[in-house]
Amino acid sequence: MDIEAVRTFVAVAETGRFQEAAVDLRITQQAVSKRIANLERALGVTLFVRTARGAALSPDGRAFLPHGREVLRVIDRATASVRPGGRTLRVDVLNRRIAPALALRNFHRVHPDMDLDVVALPDTDVTAAIDAVLAGSIDATFRSVPVPPRKLPGSVSVERVLDDPLQLLVGPDHALAGAPSLRPQDLTGHRLWIPGIKPGTEWGSFYDELGESFGLSIDAVGPDFGAEALMDSLAGSPTLATLVGAGDRYVWPATHGLRRIPITDPTPVYPHSLVHRNGNPHPALAALRRYLDTSRVIPPGRLWTPSWATRAE
């Protein structure tokens, strides 16, 4: 069925005249007549009775009118759902506690009128996230991309938008708990427990190179029961420590007494990039990119990033 013919039928029914419908639709009266004739032929019924005063609906026309209107409402909603700005911007983050999720929350505070859907893809692999961007199931993803740009699809852009300094997180009885700041080499010999690191992931590559660069003992062994369980373990251990981003937001009971200790000289930073498809016209994506560009803060002092980070800027 020709949707424009249905739209023309509804216009004639509402105006009562072919000529007025033609003006509303910005087509000729002849085109209106042709569309109505084609629709009547397709339905096998007469929709209008021509009179000296215009066009009156036939009994079949009156029966068809509410359905024609509903068809147009559905078509208009479907069209609006994929029109730039007409649908929610979908952005993927690895974890809703980490710095990119906080950046999205701040962006939404600045732009509360823009619909935003923050998602966490079930497949945490960076390649799967890029595939999701290309497929259009998400508009963008926050990732650290350990892949040279020449090996990425040409239709994808990778923009480094957020450098998150690492901090040591320990319980009150840990040997380093009283330090105001630490150097990476001060962590040598201490167990840094980061359960859940998966080989081949971008954060796995990051921590592998961090450990090799400074001789750190990064332990990924053991089940990952979540952030709350990790905080509980840190609170009760004099030897256990972990690494978190300065922009990450974790909550623990005050009785845990956990300490966040800055790491400096150099400060290891986790490089987050925004990955999106070139040519995506969504206005909220453009606004997000502008916000991330203007709000980006480069951590002070000497910094350490993995060797592949500069290639992916």
C-alpha atoms as a PDB file:
ATOM      1  CA  MET A   1       0.000   0.000   0.000  1.00  0.00           C
ATOM      2  CA  ASP A   2       1.293   3.452  -0.968  1.00  0.00           C
ATOM      3  CA  ILE A   3       1.762   5.432   2.254  1.00  0.00           C
ATOM      4  CA  GLU A   4       1.586   8.765   0.448  1.00  0.00           C
ATOM      5  CA  ALA A   5      -1.740   7.698  -1.043  1.00  0.00           C
ATOM      6  CA  VAL A   6      -3.018   7.000   2.482  1.00  0.00           C
ATOM      7  CA  ARG A   7      -1.729  10.412   3.605  1.00  0.00           C
ATOM      8  CA  THR A   8      -3.538  12.018   0.667  1.00  0.00           C
ATOM      9  CA  PHE A   9      -6.755  10.155   1.487  1.00  0.00           C
ATOM     10  CA  VAL A  10      -6.692  11.445   5.072  1.00  0.00           C
ATOM     11  CA  ALA A  11      -6.002  14.993   3.863  1.00  0.00           C
ATOM     12  CA  VAL A  12      -8.991  14.907   1.486  1.00  0.00           C
ATOM     13  CA  ALA A  13     -11.196  13.412   4.209  1.00  0.00           C
ATOM     14  CA  GLU A  14     -10.247  16.193   6.629  1.00  0.00           C
ATOM     15  CA  THR A  15     -10.574  19.093   4.167  1.00  0.00           C
ATOM     16  CA  GLY A  16     -13.508  17.755   2.156  1.00  0.00           C
ATOM     17  CA  ARG A  17     -11.979  19.002  -1.094  1.00  0.00           C
ATOM     18  CA  PHE A  18      -9.323  17.660  -3.448  1.00  0.00           C
ATOM     19  CA  GLN A  19      -8.093  21.193  -4.164  1.00  0.00           C
ATOM     20  CA  GLU A  20      -7.555  22.083  -0.484  1.00  0.00           C
ATOM     21  CA  ALA A  21      -5.800  18.765   0.134  1.00  0.00           C
ATOM     22  CA  ALA A  22      -3.495  19.534  -2.797  1.00  0.00           C
ATOM     23  CA  VAL A  23      -2.589  22.885  -1.239  1.00  0.00           C
ATOM     24  CA  ASP A  24      -1.906  21.287   2.172  1.00  0.00           C
ATOM     25  CA  LEU A  25       0.253  18.556   0.620  1.00  0.00           C
ATOM     26  CA  ARG A  26       1.950  20.943  -1.819  1.00  0.00           C
ATOM     27  CA  ILE A  27       1.124  18.833  -4.845  1.00  0.00           C
ATOM     28  CA  THR A  28      -1.211  19.354  -7.798  1.00  0.00           C
ATOM     29  CA  GLN A  29      -4.906  18.527  -7.705  1.00  0.00           C
ATOM     30  CA  GLN A  30      -4.262  16.059 -10.520  1.00  0.00           C
ATOM     31  CA  ALA A  31      -1.710  14.247  -8.330  1.00  0.00           C
ATOM     32  CA  VAL A  32      -4.291  14.075  -5.514  1.00  0.00           C
ATOM     33  CA  SER A  33      -6.854  12.516  -7.848  1.00  0.00           C
ATOM     34  CA  LYS A  34      -4.311  10.014  -9.147  1.00  0.00           C
ATOM     35  CA  ARG A  35      -3.257   8.931  -5.631  1.00  0.00           C
ATOM     36  CA  ILE A  36      -6.865   8.470  -4.512  1.00  0.00           C
ATOM     37  CA  ALA A  37      -7.667   6.462  -7.649  1.00  0.00           C
ATOM     38  CA  ASN A  38      -4.656   4.208  -7.071  1.00  0.00           C
ATOM     39  CA  LEU A  39      -5.643   3.657  -3.427  1.00  0.00           C
ATOM     40  CA  GLU A  40      -9.236   2.828  -4.368  1.00  0.00           C
ATOM     41  CA  ARG A  41      -7.931   0.382  -6.964  1.00  0.00           C
ATOM     42  CA  ALA A  42      -5.632  -1.275  -4.417  1.00  0.00           C
ATOM     43  CA  LEU A  43      -8.442  -1.600  -1.851  1.00  0.00           C
ATOM     44  CA  GLY A  44     -11.120  -2.517  -4.368  1.00  0.00           C
ATOM     45  CA  VAL A  45     -13.605   0.000  -2.960  1.00  0.00           C
ATOM     46  CA  THR A  46     -14.766   3.563  -3.546  1.00  0.00           C
ATOM     47  CA  LEU A  47     -13.553   5.883  -0.808  1.00  0.00           C
ATOM     48  CA  PHE A  48     -15.212   9.148  -1.820  1.00  0.00           C
ATOM     49  CA  VAL A  49     -18.472  10.238  -3.350  1.00  0.00           C
ATOM     50  CA  ARG A  50     -17.914  13.292  -5.519  1.00  0.00           C
ATOM     51  CA  THR A  51     -20.513  16.026  -4.969  1.00  0.00           C
ATOM     52  CA  ALA A  52     -20.981  19.593  -6.098  1.00  0.00           C
ATOM     53  CA  ARG A  53     -19.721  20.730  -2.697  1.00  0.00           C
ATOM     54  CA  GLY A  54     -16.553  18.616  -2.772  1.00  0.00           C
ATOM     55  CA  ALA A  55     -15.778  15.046  -1.744  1.00  0.00           C
ATOM     56  CA  ALA A  56     -17.757  13.132   0.856  1.00  0.00           C
ATOM     57  CA  LEU A  57     -16.600   9.887   2.402  1.00  0.00           C
ATOM     58  CA  SER A  58     -18.335   6.754   1.222  1.00  0.00           C
ATOM     59  CA  PRO A  59     -19.330   4.121   3.810  1.00  0.00           C
ATOM     60  CA  ASP A  60     -16.082   2.272   2.985  1.00  0.00           C
ATOM     61  CA  GLY A  61     -14.178   5.545   3.270  1.00  0.00           C
ATOM     62  CA  ARG A  62     -15.605   6.191   6.740  1.00  0.00           C
ATOM     63  CA  ALA A  63     -14.619   2.664   7.781  1.00  0.00           C
ATOM     64  CA  PHE A  64     -11.088   3.086   6.427  1.00  0.00           C
ATOM     65  CA  LEU A  65     -10.409   6.576   7.845  1.00  0.00           C
ATOM     66  CA  PRO A  66      -9.490   5.675  11.480  1.00  0.00           C
ATOM     67  CA  HIS A  67      -7.188   2.912  10.246  1.00  0.00           C
ATOM     68  CA  GLY A  68      -5.567   5.255   7.738  1.00  0.00           C
ATOM     69  CA  ARG A  69      -4.899   7.767  10.496  1.00  0.00           C
ATOM     70  CA  GLU A  70      -3.383   5.067  12.697  1.00  0.00           C
ATOM     71  CA  VAL A  71      -1.133   3.910   9.834  1.00  0.00           C
ATOM     72  CA  LEU A  72       0.183   7.457   9.449  1.00  0.00           C
ATOM     73  CA  ARG A  73       0.784   7.802  13.205  1.00  0.00           C
ATOM     74  CA  VAL A  74       2.807   4.574  13.221  1.00  0.00           C
ATOM     75  CA  ILE A  75       4.813   5.624  10.156  1.00  0.00           C
ATOM     76  CA  ASP A  76       5.530   9.053  11.630  1.00  0.00           C
ATOM     77  CA  ARG A  77       6.660   7.537  14.945  1.00  0.00           C
ATOM     78  CA  ALA A  78       8.892   5.042  13.128  1.00  0.00           C
ATOM     79  CA  THR A  79      10.454   7.808  11.040  1.00  0.00           C
ATOM     80  CA  ALA A  80      11.033  10.015  14.080  1.00  0.00           C
ATOM     81  CA  SER A  81      12.722   7.145  15.936  1.00  0.00           C
ATOM     82  CA  VAL A  82      15.655   7.117  13.503  1.00  0.00           C
ATOM     83  CA  ARG A  83      15.795  10.813  12.678  1.00  0.00           C
ATOM     84  CA  PRO A  84      18.884  12.545  14.150  1.00  0.00           C
ATOM     85  CA  GLY A  85      17.841  13.968  17.487  1.00  0.00           C
ATOM     86  CA  GLY A  86      14.630  11.971  17.447  1.00  0.00           C
ATOM     87  CA  ARG A  87      16.014   9.022  19.374  1.00  0.00           C
ATOM     88  CA  THR A  88      18.032   8.501  22.531  1.00  0.00           C
ATOM     89  CA  LEU A  89      21.831   8.671  22.315  1.00  0.00           C
ATOM     90  CA  ARG A  90      23.250   5.272  23.364  1.00  0.00           C
ATOM     91  CA  VAL A  91      26.727   5.286  24.904  1.00  0.00           C
ATOM     92  CA  ASP A  92      28.569   2.241  26.234  1.00  0.00           C
ATOM     93  CA  VAL A  93      30.791   2.234  29.323  1.00  0.00           C
ATOM     94  CA  LEU A  94      32.675  -0.688  30.829  1.00  0.00           C
ATOM     95  CA  ASN A  95      31.427   0.032  34.323  1.00  0.00           C
ATOM     96  CA  ARG A  96      29.008   2.570  35.752  1.00  0.00           C
ATOM     97  CA  ARG A  97      31.406   3.375  38.609  1.00  0.00           C
ATOM     98  CA  ILE A  98      34.369   4.506  36.506  1.00  0.00           C
ATOM     99  CA  ALA A  99      35.362   7.975  35.287  1.00  0.00           C
ATOM    100  CA  PRO A 100      33.655   7.843  31.847  1.00  0.00           C
ATOM    101  CA  ALA A 101      30.315   7.085  33.503  1.00  0.00           C
ATOM    102  CA  LEU A 102      30.822  10.085  35.796  1.00  0.00           C
ATOM    103  CA  ALA A 103      31.655  12.226  32.751  1.00  0.00           C
ATOM    104  CA  LEU A 104      28.391  11.134  31.131  1.00  0.00           C
ATOM    105  CA  ARG A 105      26.492  12.010  34.301  1.00  0.00           C
ATOM    106  CA  ASN A 106      28.034  15.485  34.326  1.00  0.00           C
ATOM    107  CA  PHE A 107      27.258  15.903  30.625  1.00  0.00           C
ATOM    108  CA  HIS A 108      23.619  15.077  31.306  1.00  0.00           C
ATOM    109  CA  ARG A 109      23.511  17.675  34.090  1.00  0.00           C
ATOM    110  CA  VAL A 110      24.704  20.290  31.600  1.00  0.00           C
ATOM    111  CA  HIS A 111      22.341  19.042  28.861  1.00  0.00           C
ATOM    112  CA  PRO A 112      19.270  17.668  30.695  1.00  0.00           C
ATOM    113  CA  ASP A 113      17.173  18.131  27.552  1.00  0.00           C
ATOM    114  CA  MET A 114      19.162  15.505  25.641  1.00  0.00           C
ATOM    115  CA  ASP A 115      17.991  11.915  26.041  1.00  0.00           C
ATOM    116  CA  LEU A 116      20.874   9.650  27.045  1.00  0.00           C
ATOM    117  CA  ASP A 117      20.994   5.885  27.490  1.00  0.00           C
ATOM    118  CA  VAL A 118      24.105   4.634  29.310  1.00  0.00           C
ATOM    119  CA  VAL A 119      24.643   0.945  28.580  1.00  0.00           C
ATOM    120  CA  ALA A 120      27.216  -1.705  29.431  1.00  0.00           C
ATOM    121  CA  LEU A 121      27.641  -4.200  26.609  1.00  0.00           C
ATOM    122  CA  PRO A 122      27.697  -7.838  27.731  1.00  0.00           C
ATOM    123  CA  ASP A 123      30.841  -8.441  25.656  1.00  0.00           C
ATOM    124  CA  THR A 124      33.631  -6.338  27.175  1.00  0.00           C
ATOM    125  CA  ASP A 125      36.063  -6.864  24.285  1.00  0.00           C
ATOM    126  CA  VAL A 126      37.061  -3.620  22.534  1.00  0.00           C
ATOM    127  CA  THR A 127      36.614  -5.213  19.102  1.00  0.00           C
ATOM    128  CA  ALA A 128      33.042  -6.183  19.969  1.00  0.00           C
ATOM    129  CA  ALA A 129      32.382  -2.623  21.145  1.00  0.00           C
ATOM    130  CA  ILE A 130      33.710  -1.182  17.876  1.00  0.00           C
ATOM    131  CA  ASP A 131      31.554  -3.658  15.941  1.00  0.00           C
ATOM    132  CA  ALA A 132      28.529  -2.442  17.923  1.00  0.00           C
ATOM    133  CA  VAL A 133      29.363   1.152  16.963  1.00  0.00           C
ATOM    134  CA  LEU A 134      29.625   0.172  13.294  1.00  0.00           C
ATOM    135  CA  ALA A 135      26.364  -1.785  13.464  1.00  0.00           C
ATOM    136  CA  GLY A 136      24.572   1.197  14.988  1.00  0.00           C
ATOM    137  CA  SER A 137      23.408  -0.628  18.119  1.00  0.00           C
ATOM    138  CA  ILE A 138      25.291   2.037  20.099  1.00  0.00           C
ATOM    139  CA  ASP A 139      26.369   5.528  19.070  1.00  0.00           C
ATOM    140  CA  ALA A 140      29.650   5.583  20.969  1.00  0.00           C
ATOM    141  CA  THR A 141      31.748   3.691  23.482  1.00  0.00           C
ATOM    142  CA  PHE A 142      34.368   4.744  26.020  1.00  0.00           C
ATOM    143  CA  ARG A 143      37.407   2.514  25.578  1.00  0.00           C
ATOM    144  CA  SER A 144      41.136   2.392  25.812  1.00  0.00           C
ATOM    145  CA  VAL A 145      42.132   1.273  22.321  1.00  0.00           C
ATOM    146  CA  PRO A 146      45.420  -0.682  22.146  1.00  0.00           C
ATOM    147  CA  VAL A 147      45.213  -0.845  18.350  1.00  0.00           C
ATOM    148  CA  PRO A 148      47.049   1.426  15.874  1.00  0.00           C
ATOM    149  CA  PRO A 149      44.612   3.643  13.921  1.00  0.00           C
ATOM    150  CA  ARG A 150      45.692   2.062  10.631  1.00  0.00           C
ATOM    151  CA  LYS A 151      44.252  -1.257  11.824  1.00  0.00           C
ATOM    152  CA  LEU A 152      40.869   0.221  12.727  1.00  0.00           C
ATOM    153  CA  PRO A 153      37.962   0.481  10.266  1.00  0.00           C
ATOM    154  CA  GLY A 154      38.203   3.727   8.313  1.00  0.00           C
ATOM    155  CA  SER A 155      34.670   4.690   9.306  1.00  0.00           C
ATOM    156  CA  VAL A 156      35.556   4.783  13.028  1.00  0.00           C
ATOM    157  CA  SER A 157      37.015   7.714  14.963  1.00  0.00           C
ATOM    158  CA  VAL A 158      38.966   7.319  18.203  1.00  0.00           C
ATOM    159  CA  GLU A 159      39.302  10.490  20.284  1.00  0.00           C
ATOM    160  CA  ARG A 160      41.284  10.464  23.511  1.00  0.00           C
ATOM    161  CA  VAL A 161      39.058  12.388  25.893  1.00  0.00           C
ATOM    162  CA  LEU A 162      39.887  11.470  29.490  1.00  0.00           C
ATOM    163  CA  ASP A 163      43.127  10.591  31.308  1.00  0.00           C
ATOM    164  CA  ASP A 164      42.329   9.127  34.715  1.00  0.00           C
ATOM    165  CA  PRO A 165      45.241   9.100  37.229  1.00  0.00           C
ATOM    166  CA  LEU A 166      45.614   5.876  39.187  1.00  0.00           C
ATOM    167  CA  GLN A 167      45.544   5.821  42.978  1.00  0.00           C
ATOM    168  CA  LEU A 168      46.391   3.119  45.490  1.00  0.00           C
ATOM    169  CA  LEU A 169      43.443   1.961  47.601  1.00  0.00           C
ATOM    170  CA  VAL A 170      44.303   0.236  50.896  1.00  0.00           C
ATOM    171  CA  GLY A 171      42.841  -0.566  54.278  1.00  0.00           C
ATOM    172  CA  PRO A 172      43.832   1.301  57.465  1.00  0.00           C
ATOM    173  CA  ASP A 173      46.292  -1.394  58.585  1.00  0.00           C
ATOM    174  CA  HIS A 174      48.262  -1.576  55.342  1.00  0.00           C
ATOM    175  CA  ALA A 175      51.949  -0.644  55.532  1.00  0.00           C
ATOM    176  CA  LEU A 176      51.421   2.174  52.989  1.00  0.00           C
ATOM    177  CA  ALA A 177      48.203   3.547  54.486  1.00  0.00           C
ATOM    178  CA  GLY A 178      49.878   6.577  56.062  1.00  0.00           C
ATOM    179  CA  ALA A 179      51.718   7.770  52.952  1.00  0.00           C
ATOM    180  CA  PRO A 180      50.518  11.132  51.539  1.00  0.00           C
ATOM    181  CA  SER A 181      51.626  10.034  48.072  1.00  0.00           C
ATOM    182  CA  LEU A 182      53.620   7.229  46.496  1.00  0.00           C
ATOM    183  CA  ARG A 183      55.865   6.629  43.502  1.00  0.00           C
ATOM    184  CA  PRO A 184      55.240   3.573  41.323  1.00  0.00           C
ATOM    185  CA  GLN A 185      58.448   1.947  42.569  1.00  0.00           C
ATOM    186  CA  ASP A 186      57.146   2.258  46.153  1.00  0.00           C
ATOM    187  CA  LEU A 187      54.544  -0.347  45.242  1.00  0.00           C
ATOM    188  CA  THR A 188      57.150  -2.977  44.375  1.00  0.00           C
ATOM    189  CA  GLY A 189      56.778  -6.049  46.561  1.00  0.00           C
ATOM    190  CA  HIS A 190      53.199  -5.241  47.559  1.00  0.00           C
ATOM    191  CA  ARG A 191      50.339  -7.376  46.317  1.00  0.00           C
ATOM    192  CA  LEU A 192      48.045  -5.381  44.021  1.00  0.00           C
ATOM    193  CA  TRP A 193      44.859  -7.389  43.697  1.00  0.00           C
ATOM    194  CA  ILE A 194      42.691  -6.581  40.687  1.00  0.00           C
ATOM    195  CA  PRO A 195      40.335  -9.538  40.256  1.00  0.00           C
ATOM    196  CA  GLY A 196      38.498  -9.833  36.971  1.00  0.00           C
ATOM    197  CA  ILE A 197      41.284  -8.810  34.590  1.00  0.00           C
ATOM    198  CA  LYS A 198      40.665 -10.730  31.376  1.00  0.00           C
ATOM    199  CA  PRO A 199      43.577 -11.586  29.060  1.00  0.00           C
ATOM    200  CA  GLY A 200      43.339  -9.828  25.718  1.00  0.00           C
ATOM    201  CA  THR A 201      41.184  -6.949  26.972  1.00  0.00           C
ATOM    202  CA  GLU A 202      42.331  -3.341  26.833  1.00  0.00           C
ATOM    203  CA  TRP A 203      42.580  -3.086  30.621  1.00  0.00           C
ATOM    204  CA  GLY A 204      44.459  -6.385  30.666  1.00  0.00           C
ATOM    205  CA  SER A 205      46.989  -4.886  28.224  1.00  0.00           C
ATOM    206  CA  PHE A 206      47.210  -1.743  30.359  1.00  0.00           C
ATOM    207  CA  TYR A 207      47.985  -3.560  33.604  1.00  0.00           C
ATOM    208  CA  ASP A 208      50.381  -5.981  31.891  1.00  0.00           C
ATOM    209  CA  GLU A 209      52.512  -3.087  30.646  1.00  0.00           C
ATOM    210  CA  LEU A 210      52.189  -1.179  33.927  1.00  0.00           C
ATOM    211  CA  GLY A 211      53.447  -4.190  35.866  1.00  0.00           C
ATOM    212  CA  GLU A 212      56.339  -4.765  33.470  1.00  0.00           C
ATOM    213  CA  SER A 213      57.363  -1.096  33.470  1.00  0.00           C
ATOM    214  CA  PHE A 214      57.679  -0.800  37.262  1.00  0.00           C
ATOM    215  CA  GLY A 215      58.128  -4.389  38.432  1.00  0.00           C
ATOM    216  CA  LEU A 216      54.730  -4.518  40.140  1.00  0.00           C
ATOM    217  CA  SER A 217      52.977  -7.650  41.384  1.00  0.00           C
ATOM    218  CA  ILE A 218      49.494  -7.339  39.879  1.00  0.00           C
ATOM    219  CA  ASP A 219      47.364 -10.301  40.887  1.00  0.00           C
ATOM    220  CA  ALA A 220      44.199 -11.095  38.934  1.00  0.00           C
ATOM    221  CA  VAL A 221      43.694 -14.514  40.519  1.00  0.00           C
ATOM    222  CA  GLY A 222      40.466 -15.286  42.328  1.00  0.00           C
ATOM    223  CA  PRO A 223      36.772 -14.825  41.634  1.00  0.00           C
ATOM    224  CA  ASP A 224      35.480 -11.306  41.047  1.00  0.00           C
ATOM    225  CA  PHE A 225      32.584 -10.870  43.486  1.00  0.00           C
ATOM    226  CA  GLY A 226      32.233  -7.165  42.702  1.00  0.00           C
ATOM    227  CA  ALA A 227      33.419  -3.868  44.135  1.00  0.00           C
ATOM    228  CA  GLU A 228      31.721  -4.244  47.520  1.00  0.00           C
ATOM    229  CA  ALA A 229      33.436  -7.575  48.205  1.00  0.00           C
ATOM    230  CA  LEU A 230      36.784  -6.105  47.160  1.00  0.00           C
ATOM    231  CA  MET A 231      36.329  -3.167  49.563  1.00  0.00           C
ATOM    232  CA  ASP A 232      35.502  -5.599  52.367  1.00  0.00           C
ATOM    233  CA  SER A 233      38.692  -7.572  51.665  1.00  0.00           C
ATOM    234  CA  LEU A 234      40.859  -4.451  51.637  1.00  0.00           C
ATOM    235  CA  ALA A 235      39.425  -3.212  54.922  1.00  0.00           C
ATOM    236  CA  GLY A 236      40.396  -6.363  56.767  1.00  0.00           C
ATOM    237  CA  SER A 237      43.843  -6.940  55.251  1.00  0.00           C
ATOM    238  CA  PRO A 238      47.239  -5.458  56.235  1.00  0.00           C
ATOM    239  CA  THR A 239      48.821  -6.616  52.955  1.00  0.00           C
ATOM    240  CA  LEU A 240      46.168  -6.329  50.249  1.00  0.00           C
ATOM    241  CA  ALA A 241      45.918  -3.282  47.956  1.00  0.00           C
ATOM    242  CA  THR A 242      44.309  -2.405  44.647  1.00  0.00           C
ATOM    243  CA  LEU A 243      44.467   0.343  42.031  1.00  0.00           C
ATOM    244  CA  VAL A 244      41.554   2.648  41.193  1.00  0.00           C
ATOM    245  CA  GLY A 245      41.118   5.704  39.024  1.00  0.00           C
ATOM    246  CA  ALA A 246      40.938   9.109  40.682  1.00  0.00           C
ATOM    247  CA  GLY A 247      37.701   9.651  38.783  1.00  0.00           C
ATOM    248  CA  ASP A 248      36.175   6.314  39.782  1.00  0.00           C
ATOM    249  CA  ARG A 249      33.416   6.427  42.367  1.00  0.00           C
ATOM    250  CA  TYR A 250      33.289   3.642  44.939  1.00  0.00           C
ATOM    251  CA  VAL A 251      31.325   3.720  48.169  1.00  0.00           C
ATOM    252  CA  TRP A 252      32.221   1.801  51.313  1.00  0.00           C
ATOM    253  CA  PRO A 253      31.152   1.921  54.981  1.00  0.00           C
ATOM    254  CA  ALA A 254      32.921   4.566  57.036  1.00  0.00           C
ATOM    255  CA  THR A 255      34.076   1.816  59.390  1.00  0.00           C
ATOM    256  CA  HIS A 256      36.241   0.367  56.583  1.00  0.00           C
ATOM    257  CA  GLY A 257      38.632   3.310  56.858  1.00  0.00           C
ATOM    258  CA  LEU A 258      39.973   2.822  53.328  1.00  0.00           C
ATOM    259  CA  ARG A 259      42.648   5.222  52.051  1.00  0.00           C
ATOM    260  CA  ARG A 260      43.080   6.616  48.528  1.00  0.00           C
ATOM    261  CA  ILE A 261      46.738   7.486  47.957  1.00  0.00           C
ATOM    262  CA  PRO A 262      47.894   9.433  44.864  1.00  0.00           C
ATOM    263  CA  ILE A 263      50.684   7.923  42.763  1.00  0.00           C
ATOM    264  CA  THR A 264      53.172  10.430  41.334  1.00  0.00           C
ATOM    265  CA  ASP A 265      56.512  10.836  39.573  1.00  0.00           C
ATOM    266  CA  PRO A 266      55.309   9.508  37.213  1.00  0.00           C
ATOM    267  CA  THR A 267      51.547   9.296  37.609  1.00  0.00           C
ATOM    268  CA  PRO A 268      50.115   6.295  35.749  1.00  0.00           C
ATOM    269  CA  VAL A 269      47.020   7.400  33.834  1.00  0.00           C
ATOM    270  CA  TYR A 270      44.385   5.234  32.221  1.00  0.00           C
ATOM    271  CA  PRO A 271      43.664   6.701  28.764  1.00  0.00           C
ATOM    272  CA  HIS A 272      39.945   6.661  27.921  1.00  0.00           C
ATOM    273  CA  SER A 273      38.913   7.367  24.333  1.00  0.00           C
ATOM    274  CA  LEU A 274      35.517   7.996  22.790  1.00  0.00           C
ATOM    275  CA  VAL A 275      34.940   5.687  19.831  1.00  0.00           C
ATOM    276  CA  HIS A 276      32.194   6.648  17.388  1.00  0.00           C
ATOM    277  CA  ARG A 277      31.258   6.225  13.745  1.00  0.00           C
ATOM    278  CA  ASN A 278      32.267   8.968  11.335  1.00  0.00           C
ATOM    279  CA  GLY A 279      29.272  10.801   9.958  1.00  0.00           C
ATOM    280  CA  ASN A 280      26.903   9.927  12.812  1.00  0.00           C
ATOM    281  CA  PRO A 281      24.584  12.970  12.667  1.00  0.00           C
ATOM    282  CA  HIS A 282      23.065  12.645  16.143  1.00  0.00           C
ATOM    283  CA  PRO A 283      23.146  16.164  17.663  1.00  0.00           C
ATOM    284  CA  ALA A 284      23.642  14.786  21.186  1.00  0.00           C
ATOM    285  CA  LEU A 285      26.812  13.003  20.033  1.00  0.00           C
ATOM    286  CA  ALA A 286      28.176  16.291  18.701  1.00  0.00           C
ATOM    287  CA  ALA A 287      27.289  17.956  22.009  1.00  0.00           C
ATOM    288  CA  LEU A 288      28.976  15.154  23.978  1.00  0.00           C
ATOM    289  CA  ARG A 289      32.159  15.477  21.930  1.00  0.00           C
ATOM    290  CA  ARG A 290      32.246  19.237  22.498  1.00  0.00           C
ATOM    291  CA  TYR A 291      31.646  18.768  26.225  1.00  0.00           C
ATOM    292  CA  LEU A 292      34.429  16.192  26.569  1.00  0.00           C
ATOM    293  CA  ASP A 293      36.828  18.406  24.615  1.00  0.00           C
ATOM    294  CA  THR A 294      36.193  21.520  26.707  1.00  0.00           C
ATOM    295  CA  SER A 295      36.132  19.691  30.054  1.00  0.00           C
ATOM    296  CA  ARG A 296      39.234  17.566  29.494  1.00  0.00           C
ATOM    297  CA  VAL A 297      41.878  18.064  32.172  1.00  0.00           C
ATOM    298  CA  ILE A 298      45.464  16.882  31.700  1.00  0.00           C
ATOM    299  CA  PRO A 299      46.809  15.611  35.049  1.00  0.00           C
ATOM    300  CA  PRO A 300      49.767  17.657  36.332  1.00  0.00           C
ATOM    301  CA  GLY A 301      53.332  16.445  36.567  1.00  0.00           C
ATOM    302  CA  ARG A 302      55.114  13.624  34.814  1.00  0.00           C
ATOM    303  CA  LEU A 303      52.745  10.992  33.442  1.00  0.00           C
ATOM    304  CA  TRP A 304      52.996   7.366  32.419  1.00  0.00           C
ATOM    305  CA  THR A 305      50.761   5.854  29.766  1.00  0.00           C
ATOM    306  CA  PRO A 306      51.117   2.531  27.974  1.00  0.00           C
ATOM    307  CA  SER A 307      53.169   2.638  24.781  1.00  0.00           C
ATOM    308  CA  TRP A 308      50.106   2.083  22.604  1.00  0.00           C
ATOM    309  CA  ALA A 309      48.104   4.977  24.077  1.00  0.00           C
ATOM    310  CA  THR A 310      49.728   7.750  22.027  1.00  0.00           C
ATOM    311  CA  ARG A 311      49.102   5.808  18.811  1.00  0.00           C
ATOM    312  CA  ALA A 312      45.365   5.731  19.503  1.00  0.00           C
ATOM    313  CA  GLU A 313      44.838   9.436  20.217  1.00  0.00           C
END
